[in-house]
């Protein structure tokens, strides 16, 4: 599979994971592969309630904490998705979400270089 096709497959799978696991999908999504890293950017992932809650500092912290906990609980599924598509093992997963823009970023470090 060429790089663009692999990135597209990962993007589709991560959108589906967001829909199935979080209850709603992003408005936009993009995946980039760089050596042994898979970078997934999801835009528009916050629900209306989360957007409202994130208007103040305490609410934003709560949204971030909740989303982080949900990803930790769904981590095994994400790792299986990446392994199925790339035949690579996920070594580490890093994520953050912006409560201002509604953008979430995943960085997955895998056990091999897919493309230079």
Protein backbone atom coordinates (compact mmCIF):
# COMPACT_ATOMS: atom_id res chain seq x y z
CA UNK A 1 0.00 0.00 0.00
CA UNK A 2 1.36 3.44 -0.85
CA UNK A 3 1.76 6.05 1.89
CA UNK A 4 -1.36 8.04 0.99
CA UNK A 5 -3.53 4.93 0.99
CA UNK A 6 -2.17 3.84 4.37
CA UNK A 7 -2.79 7.31 5.83
CA UNK A 8 -6.33 7.26 4.44
CA UNK A 9 -7.06 3.83 5.95
CA UNK A 10 -5.82 4.98 9.37
CA UNK A 11 -7.88 8.18 9.12
CA UNK A 12 -11.05 6.24 8.31
CA UNK A 13 -10.44 3.79 11.14
CA UNK A 14 -9.79 6.55 13.69
CA UNK A 15 -12.96 8.39 12.61
CA UNK A 16 -14.90 5.16 13.10
CA UNK A 17 -13.26 4.62 16.51
CA UNK A 18 -14.28 8.14 17.57
CA UNK A 19 -17.86 7.48 16.42
CA UNK A 20 -18.10 4.08 18.08
CA UNK A 21 -16.20 4.82 21.27
CA UNK A 22 -16.82 8.52 21.91
CA UNK A 23 -20.31 8.69 20.45
CA UNK A 24 -19.57 11.17 17.68
CA UNK A 25 -16.99 11.62 14.98
CA UNK A 26 -14.84 14.60 14.06
CA UNK A 27 -15.78 17.20 11.46
CA UNK A 28 -12.41 16.73 9.74
CA UNK A 29 -9.55 14.27 10.07
CA UNK A 30 -6.07 13.79 8.60
CA UNK A 31 -3.25 11.31 9.16
CA UNK A 32 0.43 11.82 8.41
CA UNK A 33 3.10 9.14 8.63
CA UNK A 34 6.66 10.21 9.38
CA UNK A 35 9.24 7.45 9.87
CA UNK A 36 8.00 5.50 12.92
CA UNK A 37 5.29 8.01 13.90
CA UNK A 38 1.65 8.20 12.94
CA UNK A 39 0.14 11.63 13.52
CA UNK A 40 -3.64 11.81 13.48
CA UNK A 41 -5.36 15.20 13.65
CA UNK A 42 -9.09 15.32 14.35
CA UNK A 43 -11.00 18.61 14.18
CA UNK A 44 -14.41 19.29 15.66
CA UNK A 45 -14.44 16.49 18.22
CA UNK A 46 -16.10 18.30 21.13
CA UNK A 47 -19.83 17.90 21.72
CA UNK A 48 -21.97 21.00 22.27
CA UNK A 49 -22.07 20.21 26.01
CA UNK A 50 -18.26 19.92 26.15
CA UNK A 51 -17.88 23.20 24.26
CA UNK A 52 -20.17 24.90 26.76
CA UNK A 53 -18.37 23.32 29.74
CA UNK A 54 -14.95 24.31 28.37
CA UNK A 55 -15.76 28.03 28.47
CA UNK A 56 -14.10 28.40 31.87
CA UNK A 57 -10.80 27.09 33.21
CA UNK A 58 -12.24 24.41 35.52
CA UNK A 59 -14.61 23.12 32.86
CA UNK A 60 -11.82 22.95 30.28
CA UNK A 61 -9.67 20.95 32.69
CA UNK A 62 -12.58 18.59 33.33
CA UNK A 63 -13.17 18.02 29.61
CA UNK A 64 -9.45 17.32 29.05
CA UNK A 65 -9.31 14.91 31.99
CA UNK A 66 -12.43 13.04 30.87
CA UNK A 67 -11.23 12.74 27.27
CA UNK A 68 -7.79 11.56 28.43
CA UNK A 69 -9.36 8.87 30.62
CA UNK A 70 -11.58 7.70 27.76
CA UNK A 71 -8.59 7.38 25.44
CA UNK A 72 -6.68 5.42 28.07
CA UNK A 73 -9.59 3.00 28.38
CA UNK A 74 -9.86 2.69 24.58
CA UNK A 75 -6.12 2.52 24.00
CA UNK A 76 -6.08 -1.23 23.31
CA UNK A 77 -8.61 -0.78 20.50
CA UNK A 78 -6.52 2.02 18.96
CA UNK A 79 -3.40 -0.15 19.13
CA UNK A 80 -5.26 -3.04 17.45
CA UNK A 81 -6.50 -0.70 14.68
CA UNK A 82 -2.97 0.51 13.95
CA UNK A 83 -1.55 -3.01 14.08
CA UNK A 84 -4.19 -4.37 11.71
CA UNK A 85 -3.55 -1.64 9.13
CA UNK A 86 0.25 -1.32 9.42
CA UNK A 87 1.39 -4.68 10.87
CA UNK A 88 3.35 -2.59 13.38
CA UNK A 89 3.20 -2.61 17.16
CA UNK A 90 2.36 0.64 18.97
CA UNK A 91 5.19 1.49 21.37
CA UNK A 92 3.64 4.65 22.79
CA UNK A 93 0.56 6.80 22.31
CA UNK A 94 0.43 10.51 23.04
CA UNK A 95 -2.66 12.68 22.76
CA UNK A 96 -3.96 16.10 23.62
CA UNK A 97 -7.14 18.00 22.93
CA UNK A 98 -7.65 21.73 22.56
CA UNK A 99 -10.76 22.87 24.39
CA UNK A 100 -10.52 26.17 22.48
CA UNK A 101 -10.49 24.79 18.94
CA UNK A 102 -11.98 21.32 19.43
CA UNK A 103 -8.94 19.75 17.80
CA UNK A 104 -7.43 16.48 19.05
CA UNK A 105 -4.01 15.15 18.07
CA UNK A 106 -2.80 11.58 18.43
CA UNK A 107 0.86 10.70 18.00
CA UNK A 108 1.51 6.98 17.84
CA UNK A 109 5.09 5.74 17.92
CA UNK A 110 5.40 2.32 16.33
CA UNK A 111 8.13 -0.33 16.27
CA UNK A 112 9.25 0.23 12.69
CA UNK A 113 9.70 2.94 10.07
CA UNK A 114 6.84 2.82 7.59
CA UNK A 115 8.14 5.56 5.29
CA UNK A 116 11.10 7.92 5.45
